Amino acid sequence: MAKITYIEHGGKEHVVEVANGLTVMEGARDNNIPGIEADCGGACACSTCHVYVDPAWADKLPAKEDMEEDMLDFAFEPDPARSRLTCQIKVSDALDGLVVQMPEKQI
């Protein structure tokens, strides 16, 4: 289980525990965190679960696969270093303390 901090665009923080094996997107969905829409349900077929990973965590996550890179092209104001799709980040104990921030909007 990992404690993950989701920060809404306006600054409101939500700290929740997410079970290992779920994705960061599923953690947001299961805890009713606003700002992550996840229209495709986690199939990496949209960009509506886009977040900016805290700079301290950007290099600690597994590398983006090609499909995620392609979908991030459709995200709102993607940041090459910090943007990730939360449906592609699997939760493990190693992610305890992860901080992600939602963009102004999802598209």
C-alpha atoms as a PDB file:
ATOM      1  CA  MET A   1       0.000   0.000   0.000  1.00  0.00           C
ATOM      2  CA  ALA A   2       1.236   3.473  -0.837  1.00  0.00           C
ATOM      3  CA  LYS A   3       0.161   6.892   0.380  1.00  0.00           C
ATOM      4  CA  ILE A   4      -0.335   9.116  -2.642  1.00  0.00           C
ATOM      5  CA  THR A   5      -0.996  12.849  -2.609  1.00  0.00           C
ATOM      6  CA  TYR A   6      -3.232  14.143  -5.384  1.00  0.00           C
ATOM      7  CA  ILE A   7      -3.252  17.936  -5.725  1.00  0.00           C
ATOM      8  CA  GLU A   8      -6.104  19.591  -7.564  1.00  0.00           C
ATOM      9  CA  HIS A   9      -5.255  22.448  -9.925  1.00  0.00           C
ATOM     10  CA  GLY A  10      -6.546  24.930  -7.334  1.00  0.00           C
ATOM     11  CA  GLY A  11      -4.192  23.512  -4.687  1.00  0.00           C
ATOM     12  CA  LYS A  12      -6.500  21.301  -2.621  1.00  0.00           C
ATOM     13  CA  GLU A  13      -4.673  18.153  -1.507  1.00  0.00           C
ATOM     14  CA  HIS A  14      -6.065  14.658  -1.126  1.00  0.00           C
ATOM     15  CA  VAL A  15      -3.833  12.104   0.612  1.00  0.00           C
ATOM     16  CA  VAL A  16      -5.095   8.558   0.196  1.00  0.00           C
ATOM     17  CA  GLU A  17      -3.781   5.042   0.579  1.00  0.00           C
ATOM     18  CA  VAL A  18      -3.835   3.032  -2.634  1.00  0.00           C
ATOM     19  CA  ALA A  19      -3.443  -0.736  -2.692  1.00  0.00           C
ATOM     20  CA  ASN A  20      -0.490  -2.300  -4.466  1.00  0.00           C
ATOM     21  CA  GLY A  21      -1.347  -3.532  -7.937  1.00  0.00           C
ATOM     22  CA  LEU A  22      -3.844  -0.778  -8.664  1.00  0.00           C
ATOM     23  CA  THR A  23      -2.918   2.185 -10.827  1.00  0.00           C
ATOM     24  CA  VAL A  24      -2.623   5.761  -9.626  1.00  0.00           C
ATOM     25  CA  MET A  25      -5.713   6.453 -11.770  1.00  0.00           C
ATOM     26  CA  GLU A  26      -7.706   3.713 -10.009  1.00  0.00           C
ATOM     27  CA  GLY A  27      -6.667   5.192  -6.664  1.00  0.00           C
ATOM     28  CA  ALA A  28      -8.096   8.549  -7.721  1.00  0.00           C
ATOM     29  CA  ARG A  29     -11.279   6.991  -9.102  1.00  0.00           C
ATOM     30  CA  ASP A  30     -11.881   4.791  -6.052  1.00  0.00           C
ATOM     31  CA  ASN A  31     -11.432   7.757  -3.713  1.00  0.00           C
ATOM     32  CA  ASN A  32     -13.530  10.217  -5.739  1.00  0.00           C
ATOM     33  CA  ILE A  33     -10.619  12.575  -6.363  1.00  0.00           C
ATOM     34  CA  PRO A  34     -11.717  15.355  -8.736  1.00  0.00           C
ATOM     35  CA  GLY A  35      -9.540  16.249 -11.707  1.00  0.00           C
ATOM     36  CA  ILE A  36      -8.826  12.780 -13.082  1.00  0.00           C
ATOM     37  CA  GLU A  37     -11.605  11.824 -15.472  1.00  0.00           C
ATOM     38  CA  ALA A  38     -10.230   8.552 -16.887  1.00  0.00           C
ATOM     39  CA  ASP A  39     -12.717   8.464 -19.776  1.00  0.00           C
ATOM     40  CA  CYS A  40     -11.212   5.313 -21.314  1.00  0.00           C
ATOM     41  CA  GLY A  41     -11.191   3.429 -18.019  1.00  0.00           C
ATOM     42  CA  GLY A  42      -7.447   2.894 -17.991  1.00  0.00           C
ATOM     43  CA  ALA A  43      -6.878   1.544 -21.504  1.00  0.00           C
ATOM     44  CA  CYS A  44      -4.336   4.255 -22.392  1.00  0.00           C
ATOM     45  CA  ALA A  45      -6.682   5.415 -25.159  1.00  0.00           C
ATOM     46  CA  CYS A  46      -7.160   9.024 -24.025  1.00  0.00           C
ATOM     47  CA  SER A  47      -5.334  11.626 -21.963  1.00  0.00           C
ATOM     48  CA  THR A  48      -7.970  12.401 -19.340  1.00  0.00           C
ATOM     49  CA  CYS A  49      -5.956  10.982 -16.440  1.00  0.00           C
ATOM     50  CA  HIS A  50      -2.992  13.263 -17.133  1.00  0.00           C
ATOM     51  CA  VAL A  51      -1.036  14.616 -14.156  1.00  0.00           C
ATOM     52  CA  TYR A  52       2.225  16.384 -13.452  1.00  0.00           C
ATOM     53  CA  VAL A  53       4.454  14.242 -11.255  1.00  0.00           C
ATOM     54  CA  ASP A  54       6.271  16.106  -8.495  1.00  0.00           C
ATOM     55  CA  PRO A  55       9.842  16.811  -9.681  1.00  0.00           C
ATOM     56  CA  ALA A  56      11.266  14.736  -6.815  1.00  0.00           C
ATOM     57  CA  TRP A  57       9.453  11.687  -8.239  1.00  0.00           C
ATOM     58  CA  ALA A  58       9.876  12.215 -11.989  1.00  0.00           C
ATOM     59  CA  ASP A  59      13.010  10.077 -12.276  1.00  0.00           C
ATOM     60  CA  LYS A  60      11.821   7.428  -9.804  1.00  0.00           C
ATOM     61  CA  LEU A  61       8.927   6.169 -11.933  1.00  0.00           C
ATOM     62  CA  PRO A  62       9.279   3.554 -14.666  1.00  0.00           C
ATOM     63  CA  ALA A  63       9.905   5.041 -18.104  1.00  0.00           C
ATOM     64  CA  LYS A  64       6.962   5.942 -20.314  1.00  0.00           C
ATOM     65  CA  GLU A  65       6.112   3.410 -22.981  1.00  0.00           C
ATOM     66  CA  ASP A  66       5.462   4.541 -26.565  1.00  0.00           C
ATOM     67  CA  MET A  67       1.678   4.374 -26.242  1.00  0.00           C
ATOM     68  CA  GLU A  68       1.712   6.673 -23.202  1.00  0.00           C
ATOM     69  CA  GLU A  69       4.026   9.100 -25.016  1.00  0.00           C
ATOM     70  CA  ASP A  70       1.599   9.160 -27.951  1.00  0.00           C
ATOM     71  CA  MET A  71      -1.435   9.818 -25.747  1.00  0.00           C
ATOM     72  CA  LEU A  72       0.339  12.615 -23.872  1.00  0.00           C
ATOM     73  CA  ASP A  73       0.446  14.516 -27.172  1.00  0.00           C
ATOM     74  CA  PHE A  74      -3.309  15.039 -26.662  1.00  0.00           C
ATOM     75  CA  ALA A  75      -3.044  16.182 -23.022  1.00  0.00           C
ATOM     76  CA  PHE A  76      -3.574  19.760 -21.881  1.00  0.00           C
ATOM     77  CA  GLU A  77      -0.192  21.530 -21.662  1.00  0.00           C
ATOM     78  CA  PRO A  78       2.004  18.436 -21.303  1.00  0.00           C
ATOM     79  CA  ASP A  79       5.401  18.801 -19.668  1.00  0.00           C
ATOM     80  CA  PRO A  80       7.988  16.492 -21.265  1.00  0.00           C
ATOM     81  CA  ALA A  81       9.700  15.822 -17.944  1.00  0.00           C
ATOM     82  CA  ARG A  82       6.734  15.622 -15.544  1.00  0.00           C
ATOM     83  CA  SER A  83       3.589  14.645 -17.463  1.00  0.00           C
ATOM     84  CA  ARG A  84       2.288  11.115 -16.978  1.00  0.00           C
ATOM     85  CA  LEU A  85      -0.932   9.226 -17.498  1.00  0.00           C
ATOM     86  CA  THR A  86      -1.987   7.851 -14.134  1.00  0.00           C
ATOM     87  CA  CYS A  87      -3.484   4.743 -15.758  1.00  0.00           C
ATOM     88  CA  GLN A  88       0.052   3.705 -16.663  1.00  0.00           C
ATOM     89  CA  ILE A  89       1.590   3.989 -13.184  1.00  0.00           C
ATOM     90  CA  LYS A  90       1.201   0.793 -11.118  1.00  0.00           C
ATOM     91  CA  VAL A  91       1.173   1.301  -7.377  1.00  0.00           C
ATOM     92  CA  SER A  92       3.728  -0.493  -5.212  1.00  0.00           C
ATOM     93  CA  ASP A  93       5.378   0.154  -1.862  1.00  0.00           C
ATOM     94  CA  ALA A  94       8.097   2.013  -3.803  1.00  0.00           C
ATOM     95  CA  LEU A  95       5.554   4.737  -4.635  1.00  0.00           C
ATOM     96  CA  ASP A  96       4.764   5.530  -0.998  1.00  0.00           C
ATOM     97  CA  GLY A  97       4.775   9.338  -0.785  1.00  0.00           C
ATOM     98  CA  LEU A  98       4.186   9.972  -4.507  1.00  0.00           C
ATOM     99  CA  VAL A  99       2.805  13.432  -5.241  1.00  0.00           C
ATOM    100  CA  VAL A 100       0.904  14.251  -8.431  1.00  0.00           C
ATOM    101  CA  GLN A 101      -0.763  17.496  -9.500  1.00  0.00           C
ATOM    102  CA  MET A 102      -3.712  17.753 -11.846  1.00  0.00           C
ATOM    103  CA  PRO A 103      -3.603  20.106 -14.817  1.00  0.00           C
ATOM    104  CA  GLU A 104      -6.050  22.986 -15.185  1.00  0.00           C
ATOM    105  CA  LYS A 105      -8.287  20.736 -17.289  1.00  0.00           C
ATOM    106  CA  GLN A 106      -8.399  17.349 -18.961  1.00  0.00           C
ATOM    107  CA  ILE A 107      -8.957  17.073 -22.712  1.00  0.00           C
END
